[in-house]
Amino acid sequence: MCFFKPLLPILLALPLLSAAASAQSPAGIPCADRTIATTQLHELYGERRIGYGLAANGSVIELFASPNGSFTLFATLPHGVSCLIATGQSWEPPPEPDYYAGR
């Protein structure tokens, strides 16, 4: 199972590594502007942020999930670029649909 396969449309449709992002992001890891990445997660997979925390290096680790169980884990760097950590299926417990109300 390829962790990055569910994000293939994002990787193909967006210019993920601009010159600025590639200069400031880890080599070989798919990264994009946070706003673009999170919008695509919601529009393509119905995922919304269900949790986050601050890492020791100053990045924000964010977990996105959908009611059908798909999930994505991002590290958002202080300069606003989000880098993909992992994606998958069968997140438990899946977020309740009412969790999305008003968001």
PDB file of N, CA and C in Angstrom:
ATOM      1  N   MET A   1       0.843  -1.184   0.000  1.00  0.00           N
ATOM      2  CA  MET A   1       0.000   0.000   0.000  1.00  0.00           C
ATOM      3  C   MET A   1       0.884   1.243   0.000  1.00  0.00           C
ATOM      4  N   CYS A   2       0.643   2.142  -0.899  1.00  0.00           N
ATOM      5  CA  CYS A   2       1.417   3.373  -1.006  1.00  0.00           C
ATOM      6  C   CYS A   2       0.728   4.484  -0.216  1.00  0.00           C
ATOM      7  N   PHE A   3       1.420   5.047   0.775  1.00  0.00           N
ATOM      8  CA  PHE A   3       0.820   6.094   1.595  1.00  0.00           C
ATOM      9  C   PHE A   3       0.510   7.342   0.791  1.00  0.00           C
ATOM     10  N   PHE A   4       1.255   7.618  -0.254  1.00  0.00           N
ATOM     11  CA  PHE A   4       1.082   8.849  -1.002  1.00  0.00           C
ATOM     12  C   PHE A   4       0.080   8.729  -2.146  1.00  0.00           C
ATOM     13  N   LYS A   5      -0.390   7.530  -2.453  1.00  0.00           N
ATOM     14  CA  LYS A   5      -1.313   7.341  -3.563  1.00  0.00           C
ATOM     15  C   LYS A   5      -2.597   8.150  -3.420  1.00  0.00           C
ATOM     16  N   PRO A   6      -3.226   8.223  -2.217  1.00  0.00           N
ATOM     17  CA  PRO A   6      -4.448   9.017  -2.111  1.00  0.00           C
ATOM     18  C   PRO A   6      -4.240  10.498  -2.413  1.00  0.00           C
ATOM     19  N   LEU A   7      -3.037  11.004  -2.270  1.00  0.00           N
ATOM     20  CA  LEU A   7      -2.780  12.412  -2.536  1.00  0.00           C
ATOM     21  C   LEU A   7      -2.247  12.662  -3.936  1.00  0.00           C
ATOM     22  N   LEU A   8      -2.242  11.659  -4.774  1.00  0.00           N
ATOM     23  CA  LEU A   8      -1.727  11.801  -6.127  1.00  0.00           C
ATOM     24  C   LEU A   8      -2.402  12.942  -6.883  1.00  0.00           C
ATOM     25  N   PRO A   9      -3.743  13.104  -6.813  1.00  0.00           N
ATOM     26  CA  PRO A   9      -4.340  14.242  -7.523  1.00  0.00           C
ATOM     27  C   PRO A   9      -3.782  15.582  -7.056  1.00  0.00           C
ATOM     28  N   ILE A  10      -3.520  15.703  -5.762  1.00  0.00           N
ATOM     29  CA  ILE A  10      -2.948  16.949  -5.261  1.00  0.00           C
ATOM     30  C   ILE A  10      -1.545  17.131  -5.808  1.00  0.00           C
ATOM     31  N   LEU A  11      -0.760  16.056  -5.772  1.00  0.00           N
ATOM     32  CA  LEU A  11       0.623  16.146  -6.225  1.00  0.00           C
ATOM     33  C   LEU A  11       0.717  16.479  -7.700  1.00  0.00           C
ATOM     34  N   LEU A  12      -0.236  15.995  -8.495  1.00  0.00           N
ATOM     35  CA  LEU A  12      -0.209  16.248  -9.932  1.00  0.00           C
ATOM     36  C   LEU A  12      -0.849  17.585 -10.294  1.00  0.00           C
ATOM     37  N   ALA A  13      -1.841  18.011  -9.513  1.00  0.00           N
ATOM     38  CA  ALA A  13      -2.614  19.193  -9.885  1.00  0.00           C
ATOM     39  C   ALA A  13      -2.001  20.496  -9.388  1.00  0.00           C
ATOM     40  N   LEU A  14      -1.166  20.444  -8.384  1.00  0.00           N
ATOM     41  CA  LEU A  14      -0.640  21.672  -7.789  1.00  0.00           C
ATOM     42  C   LEU A  14       0.855  21.815  -8.010  1.00  0.00           C
ATOM     43  N   PRO A  15       1.295  23.008  -8.129  1.00  0.00           N
ATOM     44  CA  PRO A  15       2.748  23.241  -8.149  1.00  0.00           C
ATOM     45  C   PRO A  15       3.258  23.216  -6.713  1.00  0.00           C
ATOM     46  N   LEU A  16       3.430  22.023  -6.176  1.00  0.00           N
ATOM     47  CA  LEU A  16       3.691  21.870  -4.748  1.00  0.00           C
ATOM     48  C   LEU A  16       5.014  22.433  -4.283  1.00  0.00           C
ATOM     49  N   LEU A  17       6.008  22.334  -5.120  1.00  0.00           N
ATOM     50  CA  LEU A  17       7.318  22.790  -4.657  1.00  0.00           C
ATOM     51  C   LEU A  17       7.734  24.045  -5.405  1.00  0.00           C
ATOM     52  N   SER A  18       7.302  25.171  -4.888  1.00  0.00           N
ATOM     53  CA  SER A  18       7.756  26.424  -5.470  1.00  0.00           C
ATOM     54  C   SER A  18       9.226  26.602  -5.100  1.00  0.00           C
ATOM     55  N   ALA A  19       9.885  27.558  -5.701  1.00  0.00           N
ATOM     56  CA  ALA A  19      11.298  27.776  -5.386  1.00  0.00           C
ATOM     57  C   ALA A  19      11.480  28.082  -3.902  1.00  0.00           C
ATOM     58  N   ALA A  20      10.577  28.869  -3.328  1.00  0.00           N
ATOM     59  CA  ALA A  20      10.698  29.210  -1.906  1.00  0.00           C
ATOM     60  C   ALA A  20      10.461  27.991  -1.033  1.00  0.00           C
ATOM     61  N   ALA A  21       9.454  27.210  -1.350  1.00  0.00           N
ATOM     62  CA  ALA A  21       9.146  26.035  -0.531  1.00  0.00           C
ATOM     63  C   ALA A  21      10.260  25.006  -0.615  1.00  0.00           C
ATOM     64  N   SER A  22      10.800  24.804  -1.800  1.00  0.00           N
ATOM     65  CA  SER A  22      11.841  23.791  -1.932  1.00  0.00           C
ATOM     66  C   SER A  22      13.121  24.212  -1.215  1.00  0.00           C
ATOM     67  N   ALA A  23      13.353  25.512  -1.116  1.00  0.00           N
ATOM     68  CA  ALA A  23      14.544  25.981  -0.425  1.00  0.00           C
ATOM     69  C   ALA A  23      14.404  25.838   1.090  1.00  0.00           C
ATOM     70  N   GLN A  24      13.157  25.806   1.602  1.00  0.00           N
ATOM     71  CA  GLN A  24      12.942  25.797   3.033  1.00  0.00           C
ATOM     72  C   GLN A  24      12.350  24.494   3.548  1.00  0.00           C
ATOM     73  N   SER A  25      12.063  23.521   2.696  1.00  0.00           N
ATOM     74  CA  SER A  25      11.420  22.282   3.081  1.00  0.00           C
ATOM     75  C   SER A  25      12.372  21.104   2.911  1.00  0.00           C
ATOM     76  N   PRO A  26      12.151  20.034   3.682  1.00  0.00           N
ATOM     77  CA  PRO A  26      13.010  18.859   3.546  1.00  0.00           C
ATOM     78  C   PRO A  26      12.968  18.286   2.127  1.00  0.00           C
ATOM     79  N   ALA A  27      14.110  17.900   1.616  1.00  0.00           N
ATOM     80  CA  ALA A  27      14.204  17.360   0.264  1.00  0.00           C
ATOM     81  C   ALA A  27      13.441  16.051   0.129  1.00  0.00           C
ATOM     82  N   GLY A  28      12.717  15.890  -0.965  1.00  0.00           N
ATOM     83  CA  GLY A  28      12.023  14.644  -1.259  1.00  0.00           C
ATOM     84  C   GLY A  28      10.671  14.483  -0.596  1.00  0.00           C
ATOM     85  N   ILE A  29      10.273  15.414   0.249  1.00  0.00           N
ATOM     86  CA  ILE A  29       8.979  15.322   0.929  1.00  0.00           C
ATOM     87  C   ILE A  29       8.008  16.269   0.234  1.00  0.00           C
ATOM     88  N   PRO A  30       6.800  15.784  -0.128  1.00  0.00           N
ATOM     89  CA  PRO A  30       5.826  16.662  -0.777  1.00  0.00           C
ATOM     90  C   PRO A  30       5.365  17.761   0.180  1.00  0.00           C
ATOM     91  N   CYS A  31       5.534  18.998  -0.234  1.00  0.00           N
ATOM     92  CA  CYS A  31       5.142  20.146   0.572  1.00  0.00           C
ATOM     93  C   CYS A  31       4.369  21.134  -0.277  1.00  0.00           C
ATOM     94  N   ALA A  32       3.521  21.919   0.371  1.00  0.00           N
ATOM     95  CA  ALA A  32       2.744  22.945  -0.321  1.00  0.00           C
ATOM     96  C   ALA A  32       2.344  24.012   0.680  1.00  0.00           C
ATOM     97  N   ASP A  33       1.905  25.145   0.170  1.00  0.00           N
ATOM     98  CA  ASP A  33       1.330  26.164   1.016  1.00  0.00           C
ATOM     99  C   ASP A  33       0.187  25.543   1.810  1.00  0.00           C
ATOM    100  N   ARG A  34       0.102  25.799   3.104  1.00  0.00           N
ATOM    101  CA  ARG A  34      -0.879  25.154   3.965  1.00  0.00           C
ATOM    102  C   ARG A  34      -2.308  25.379   3.481  1.00  0.00           C
ATOM    103  N   THR A  35      -2.634  26.600   3.094  1.00  0.00           N
ATOM    104  CA  THR A  35      -3.992  26.902   2.658  1.00  0.00           C
ATOM    105  C   THR A  35      -4.384  26.064   1.445  1.00  0.00           C
ATOM    106  N   ILE A  36      -3.494  25.951   0.488  1.00  0.00           N
ATOM    107  CA  ILE A  36      -3.774  25.157  -0.713  1.00  0.00           C
ATOM    108  C   ILE A  36      -3.938  23.683  -0.355  1.00  0.00           C
ATOM    109  N   ALA A  37      -3.013  23.172   0.455  1.00  0.00           N
ATOM    110  CA  ALA A  37      -3.048  21.752   0.813  1.00  0.00           C
ATOM    111  C   ALA A  37      -4.314  21.390   1.585  1.00  0.00           C
ATOM    112  N   THR A  38      -4.683  22.197   2.570  1.00  0.00           N
ATOM    113  CA  THR A  38      -5.854  21.858   3.380  1.00  0.00           C
ATOM    114  C   THR A  38      -7.152  22.027   2.598  1.00  0.00           C
ATOM    115  N   THR A  39      -7.199  22.993   1.700  1.00  0.00           N
ATOM    116  CA  THR A  39      -8.383  23.151   0.844  1.00  0.00           C
ATOM    117  C   THR A  39      -8.556  21.930  -0.039  1.00  0.00           C
ATOM    118  N   GLN A  40      -7.462  21.447  -0.623  1.00  0.00           N
ATOM    119  CA  GLN A  40      -7.528  20.265  -1.475  1.00  0.00           C
ATOM    120  C   GLN A  40      -7.942  19.024  -0.676  1.00  0.00           C
ATOM    121  N   LEU A  41      -7.438  18.886   0.543  1.00  0.00           N
ATOM    122  CA  LEU A  41      -7.840  17.743   1.380  1.00  0.00           C
ATOM    123  C   LEU A  41      -9.340  17.740   1.608  1.00  0.00           C
ATOM    124  N   HIS A  42      -9.888  18.916   1.887  1.00  0.00           N
ATOM    125  CA  HIS A  42     -11.325  18.988   2.137  1.00  0.00           C
ATOM    126  C   HIS A  42     -12.127  18.749   0.859  1.00  0.00           C
ATOM    127  N   GLU A  43     -11.734  19.393  -0.234  1.00  0.00           N
ATOM    128  CA  GLU A  43     -12.500  19.278  -1.478  1.00  0.00           C
ATOM    129  C   GLU A  43     -12.409  17.887  -2.103  1.00  0.00           C
ATOM    130  N   LEU A  44     -11.233  17.258  -2.067  1.00  0.00           N
ATOM    131  CA  LEU A  44     -11.063  15.955  -2.710  1.00  0.00           C
ATOM    132  C   LEU A  44     -11.444  14.770  -1.823  1.00  0.00           C
ATOM    133  N   TYR A  45     -11.209  14.890  -0.508  1.00  0.00           N
ATOM    134  CA  TYR A  45     -11.394  13.738   0.378  1.00  0.00           C
ATOM    135  C   TYR A  45     -12.354  13.979   1.533  1.00  0.00           C
ATOM    136  N   GLY A  46     -12.867  15.190   1.669  1.00  0.00           N
ATOM    137  CA  GLY A  46     -13.777  15.496   2.760  1.00  0.00           C
ATOM    138  C   GLY A  46     -13.094  15.526   4.116  1.00  0.00           C
ATOM    139  N   GLU A  47     -11.778  15.714   4.142  1.00  0.00           N
ATOM    140  CA  GLU A  47     -11.037  15.710   5.398  1.00  0.00           C
ATOM    141  C   GLU A  47     -10.988  17.111   6.004  1.00  0.00           C
ATOM    142  N   ARG A  48     -11.130  17.133   7.324  1.00  0.00           N
ATOM    143  CA  ARG A  48     -10.981  18.364   8.098  1.00  0.00           C
ATOM    144  C   ARG A  48     -10.061  18.089   9.263  1.00  0.00           C
ATOM    145  N   ARG A  49      -9.464  19.140   9.797  1.00  0.00           N
ATOM    146  CA  ARG A  49      -8.541  18.968  10.914  1.00  0.00           C
ATOM    147  C   ARG A  49      -9.303  18.509  12.156  1.00  0.00           C
ATOM    148  N   ILE A  50      -8.819  17.430  12.756  1.00  0.00           N
ATOM    149  CA  ILE A  50      -9.435  16.933  13.983  1.00  0.00           C
ATOM    150  C   ILE A  50      -8.500  17.030  15.183  1.00  0.00           C
ATOM    151  N   GLY A  51      -7.242  17.389  14.936  1.00  0.00           N
ATOM    152  CA  GLY A  51      -6.321  17.552  16.041  1.00  0.00           C
ATOM    153  C   GLY A  51      -5.018  18.168  15.587  1.00  0.00           C
ATOM    154  N   TYR A  52      -4.289  18.732  16.540  1.00  0.00           N
ATOM    155  CA  TYR A  52      -2.993  19.329  16.231  1.00  0.00           C
ATOM    156  C   TYR A  52      -2.179  19.468  17.507  1.00  0.00           C
ATOM    157  N   GLY A  53      -0.881  19.643  17.343  1.00  0.00           N
ATOM    158  CA  GLY A  53       0.012  19.858  18.477  1.00  0.00           C
ATOM    159  C   GLY A  53       1.290  20.524  18.012  1.00  0.00           C
ATOM    160  N   LEU A  54       1.992  21.149  18.934  1.00  0.00           N
ATOM    161  CA  LEU A  54       3.219  21.856  18.631  1.00  0.00           C
ATOM    162  C   LEU A  54       4.414  20.942  18.884  1.00  0.00           C
ATOM    163  N   ALA A  55       5.238  20.756  17.857  1.00  0.00           N
ATOM    164  CA  ALA A  55       6.437  19.920  17.972  1.00  0.00           C
ATOM    165  C   ALA A  55       7.596  20.753  18.542  1.00  0.00           C
ATOM    166  N   ALA A  56       8.601  20.080  19.038  1.00  0.00           N
ATOM    167  CA  ALA A  56       9.754  20.744  19.644  1.00  0.00           C
ATOM    168  C   ALA A  56      10.494  21.654  18.664  1.00  0.00           C
ATOM    169  N   ASN A  57      10.437  21.342  17.367  1.00  0.00           N
ATOM    170  CA  ASN A  57      11.145  22.154  16.379  1.00  0.00           C
ATOM    171  C   ASN A  57      10.338  23.372  15.921  1.00  0.00           C
ATOM    172  N   GLY A  58       9.164  23.614  16.508  1.00  0.00           N
ATOM    173  CA  GLY A  58       8.346  24.765  16.158  1.00  0.00           C
ATOM    174  C   GLY A  58       7.304  24.492  15.093  1.00  0.00           C
ATOM    175  N   SER A  59       7.308  23.304  14.515  1.00  0.00           N
ATOM    176  CA  SER A  59       6.282  22.985  13.524  1.00  0.00           C
ATOM    177  C   SER A  59       5.002  22.527  14.230  1.00  0.00           C
ATOM    178  N   VAL A  60       3.898  22.686  13.533  1.00  0.00           N
ATOM    179  CA  VAL A  60       2.607  22.246  14.046  1.00  0.00           C
ATOM    180  C   VAL A  60       2.264  20.940  13.344  1.00  0.00           C
ATOM    181  N   ILE A  61       2.032  19.881  14.117  1.00  0.00           N
ATOM    182  CA  ILE A  61       1.637  18.597  13.562  1.00  0.00           C
ATOM    183  C   ILE A  61       0.119  18.586  13.535  1.00  0.00           C
ATOM    184  N   GLU A  62      -0.457  18.364  12.346  1.00  0.00           N
ATOM    185  CA  GLU A  62      -1.907  18.421  12.179  1.00  0.00           C
ATOM    186  C   GLU A  62      -2.430  17.099  11.637  1.00  0.00           C
ATOM    187  N   LEU A  63      -3.536  16.653  12.214  1.00  0.00           N
ATOM    188  CA  LEU A  63      -4.200  15.438  11.770  1.00  0.00           C
ATOM    189  C   LEU A  63      -5.527  15.817  11.138  1.00  0.00           C
ATOM    190  N   PHE A  64      -5.723  15.387   9.899  1.00  0.00           N
ATOM    191  CA  PHE A  64      -6.965  15.610   9.161  1.00  0.00           C
ATOM    192  C   PHE A  64      -7.617  14.254   8.944  1.00  0.00           C
ATOM    193  N   ALA A  65      -8.940  14.183   9.070  1.00  0.00           N
ATOM    194  CA  ALA A  65      -9.648  12.927   8.852  1.00  0.00           C
ATOM    195  C   ALA A  65     -11.024  13.222   8.283  1.00  0.00           C
ATOM    196  N   SER A  66     -11.600  12.210   7.654  1.00  0.00           N
ATOM    197  CA  SER A  66     -12.954  12.319   7.115  1.00  0.00           C
ATOM    198  C   SER A  66     -13.836  11.280   7.797  1.00  0.00           C
ATOM    199  N   PRO A  67     -15.147  11.456   7.726  1.00  0.00           N
ATOM    200  CA  PRO A  67     -16.056  10.471   8.324  1.00  0.00           C
ATOM    201  C   PRO A  67     -15.920   9.071   7.723  1.00  0.00           C
ATOM    202  N   ASN A  68     -15.396   8.962   6.483  1.00  0.00           N
ATOM    203  CA  ASN A  68     -15.237   7.631   5.876  1.00  0.00           C
ATOM    204  C   ASN A  68     -13.939   6.948   6.307  1.00  0.00           C
ATOM    205  N   GLY A  69     -13.122   7.617   7.151  1.00  0.00           N
ATOM    206  CA  GLY A  69     -11.928   6.990   7.705  1.00  0.00           C
ATOM    207  C   GLY A  69     -10.612   7.355   7.056  1.00  0.00           C
ATOM    208  N   SER A  70     -10.615   8.124   5.953  1.00  0.00           N
ATOM    209  CA  SER A  70      -9.340   8.532   5.369  1.00  0.00           C
ATOM    210  C   SER A  70      -8.697   9.566   6.293  1.00  0.00           C
ATOM    211  N   PHE A  71      -7.349   9.582   6.318  1.00  0.00           N
ATOM    212  CA  PHE A  71      -6.665  10.557   7.164  1.00  0.00           C
ATOM    213  C   PHE A  71      -5.357  10.995   6.533  1.00  0.00           C
ATOM    214  N   THR A  72      -4.907  12.171   6.963  1.00  0.00           N
ATOM    215  CA  THR A  72      -3.650  12.751   6.499  1.00  0.00           C
ATOM    216  C   THR A  72      -2.973  13.413   7.686  1.00  0.00           C
ATOM    217  N   LEU A  73      -1.669  13.256   7.768  1.00  0.00           N
ATOM    218  CA  LEU A  73      -0.875  13.866   8.819  1.00  0.00           C
ATOM    219  C   LEU A  73       0.123  14.815   8.161  1.00  0.00           C
ATOM    220  N   PHE A  74       0.084  16.092   8.563  1.00  0.00           N
ATOM    221  CA  PHE A  74       0.965  17.123   8.030  1.00  0.00           C
ATOM    222  C   PHE A  74       1.832  17.710   9.134  1.00  0.00           C
ATOM    223  N   ALA A  75       3.010  18.179   8.763  1.00  0.00           N
ATOM    224  CA  ALA A  75       3.817  19.050   9.615  1.00  0.00           C
ATOM    225  C   ALA A  75       3.816  20.408   8.934  1.00  0.00           C
ATOM    226  N   THR A  76       3.284  21.411   9.616  1.00  0.00           N
ATOM    227  CA  THR A  76       3.261  22.754   9.057  1.00  0.00           C
ATOM    228  C   THR A  76       4.403  23.540   9.687  1.00  0.00           C
ATOM    229  N   LEU A  77       5.293  24.002   8.834  1.00  0.00           N
ATOM    230  CA  LEU A  77       6.492  24.703   9.266  1.00  0.00           C
ATOM    231  C   LEU A  77       6.167  26.152   9.600  1.00  0.00           C
ATOM    232  N   PRO A  78       6.996  26.818  10.400  1.00  0.00           N
ATOM    233  CA  PRO A  78       6.701  28.195  10.811  1.00  0.00           C
ATOM    234  C   PRO A  78       6.484  29.172   9.656  1.00  0.00           C
ATOM    235  N   HIS A  79       7.046  28.915   8.501  1.00  0.00           N
ATOM    236  CA  HIS A  79       6.874  29.825   7.363  1.00  0.00           C
ATOM    237  C   HIS A  79       5.621  29.512   6.536  1.00  0.00           C
ATOM    238  N   GLY A  80       4.744  28.618   7.016  1.00  0.00           N
ATOM    239  CA  GLY A  80       3.449  28.399   6.376  1.00  0.00           C
ATOM    240  C   GLY A  80       3.386  27.289   5.347  1.00  0.00           C
ATOM    241  N   VAL A  81       4.429  26.507   5.209  1.00  0.00           N
ATOM    242  CA  VAL A  81       4.431  25.392   4.266  1.00  0.00           C
ATOM    243  C   VAL A  81       4.116  24.106   5.024  1.00  0.00           C
ATOM    244  N   SER A  82       3.167  23.331   4.490  1.00  0.00           N
ATOM    245  CA  SER A  82       2.806  22.047   5.098  1.00  0.00           C
ATOM    246  C   SER A  82       3.478  20.921   4.323  1.00  0.00           C
ATOM    247  N   CYS A  83       4.069  19.979   5.057  1.00  0.00           N
ATOM    248  CA  CYS A  83       4.743  18.840   4.441  1.00  0.00           C
ATOM    249  C   CYS A  83       4.026  17.557   4.870  1.00  0.00           C
ATOM    250  N   LEU A  84       3.823  16.701   3.913  1.00  0.00           N
ATOM    251  CA  LEU A  84       3.111  15.458   4.142  1.00  0.00           C
ATOM    252  C   LEU A  84       3.948  14.496   4.976  1.00  0.00           C
ATOM    253  N   ILE A  85       3.347  13.943   6.022  1.00  0.00           N
ATOM    254  CA  ILE A  85       4.002  12.922   6.834  1.00  0.00           C
ATOM    255  C   ILE A  85       3.453  11.549   6.464  1.00  0.00           C
ATOM    256  N   ALA A  86       2.117  11.421   6.414  1.00  0.00           N
ATOM    257  CA  ALA A  86       1.504  10.123   6.099  1.00  0.00           C
ATOM    258  C   ALA A  86       0.048  10.315   5.701  1.00  0.00           C
ATOM    259  N   THR A  87      -0.474   9.342   4.968  1.00  0.00           N
ATOM    260  CA  THR A  87      -1.899   9.269   4.657  1.00  0.00           C
ATOM    261  C   THR A  87      -2.336   7.830   4.866  1.00  0.00           C
ATOM    262  N   GLY A  88      -3.623   7.626   5.000  1.00  0.00           N
ATOM    263  CA  GLY A  88      -4.097   6.264   5.171  1.00  0.00           C
ATOM    264  C   GLY A  88      -5.610   6.172   5.219  1.00  0.00           C
ATOM    265  N   GLN A  89      -6.073   4.994   5.547  1.00  0.00           N
ATOM    266  CA  GLN A  89      -7.502   4.685   5.636  1.00  0.00           C
ATOM    267  C   GLN A  89      -7.798   4.087   7.000  1.00  0.00           C
ATOM    268  N   SER A  90      -9.062   4.009   7.330  1.00  0.00           N
ATOM    269  CA  SER A  90      -9.564   3.337   8.533  1.00  0.00           C
ATOM    270  C   SER A  90      -9.156   4.017   9.829  1.00  0.00           C
ATOM    271  N   TRP A  91      -9.140   5.356   9.846  1.00  0.00           N
ATOM    272  CA  TRP A  91      -8.870   6.061  11.091  1.00  0.00           C
ATOM    273  C   TRP A  91      -9.975   5.728  12.079  1.00  0.00           C
ATOM    274  N   GLU A  92      -9.602   5.390  13.298  1.00  0.00           N
ATOM    275  CA  GLU A  92     -10.567   5.045  14.345  1.00  0.00           C
ATOM    276  C   GLU A  92     -10.353   5.914  15.566  1.00  0.00           C
ATOM    277  N   PRO A  93     -11.380   6.364  16.184  1.00  0.00           N
ATOM    278  CA  PRO A  93     -12.746   6.379  15.674  1.00  0.00           C
ATOM    279  C   PRO A  93     -12.878   7.479  14.629  1.00  0.00           C
ATOM    280  N   PRO A  94     -13.663   7.234  13.586  1.00  0.00           N
ATOM    281  CA  PRO A  94     -13.856   8.281  12.579  1.00  0.00           C
ATOM    282  C   PRO A  94     -14.583   9.468  13.206  1.00  0.00           C
ATOM    283  N   PRO A  95     -14.281  10.683  12.739  1.00  0.00           N
ATOM    284  CA  PRO A  95     -14.973  11.840  13.296  1.00  0.00           C
ATOM    285  C   PRO A  95     -16.461  11.768  12.996  1.00  0.00           C
ATOM    286  N   GLU A  96     -17.246  12.189  13.945  1.00  0.00           N
ATOM    287  CA  GLU A  96     -18.696  12.213  13.764  1.00  0.00           C
ATOM    288  C   GLU A  96     -19.067  13.301  12.762  1.00  0.00           C
ATOM    289  N   PRO A  97     -20.089  13.065  11.929  1.00  0.00           N
ATOM    290  CA  PRO A  97     -20.484  14.094  10.965  1.00  0.00           C
ATOM    291  C   PRO A  97     -20.838  15.436  11.611  1.00  0.00           C
ATOM    292  N   ASP A  98     -21.410  15.414  12.829  1.00  0.00           N
ATOM    293  CA  ASP A  98     -21.752  16.689  13.472  1.00  0.00           C
ATOM    294  C   ASP A  98     -20.517  17.459  13.901  1.00  0.00           C
ATOM    295  N   TYR A  99     -19.356  16.807  13.962  1.00  0.00           N
ATOM    296  CA  TYR A  99     -18.102  17.497  14.268  1.00  0.00           C
ATOM    297  C   TYR A  99     -17.809  18.547  13.208  1.00  0.00           C
ATOM    298  N   TYR A 100     -18.276  18.290  11.998  1.00  0.00           N
ATOM    299  CA  TYR A 100     -18.017  19.185  10.886  1.00  0.00           C
ATOM    300  C   TYR A 100     -18.989  20.373  10.842  1.00  0.00           C
ATOM    301  N   ALA A 101     -20.050  20.335  11.618  1.00  0.00           N
ATOM    302  CA  ALA A 101     -21.039  21.402  11.600  1.00  0.00           C
ATOM    303  C   ALA A 101     -20.398  22.720  12.028  1.00  0.00           C
ATOM    304  N   GLY A 102     -20.632  23.729  11.243  1.00  0.00           N
ATOM    305  CA  GLY A 102     -20.125  25.061  11.579  1.00  0.00           C
ATOM    306  C   GLY A 102     -18.658  25.272  11.340  1.00  0.00           C
ATOM    307  N   ARG A 103     -17.980  24.338  10.698  1.00  0.00           N
ATOM    308  CA  ARG A 103     -16.552  24.508  10.428  1.00  0.00           C
ATOM    309  C   ARG A 103     -16.313  24.882   9.003  1.00  0.00           C
TER     310      ARG A 103
END
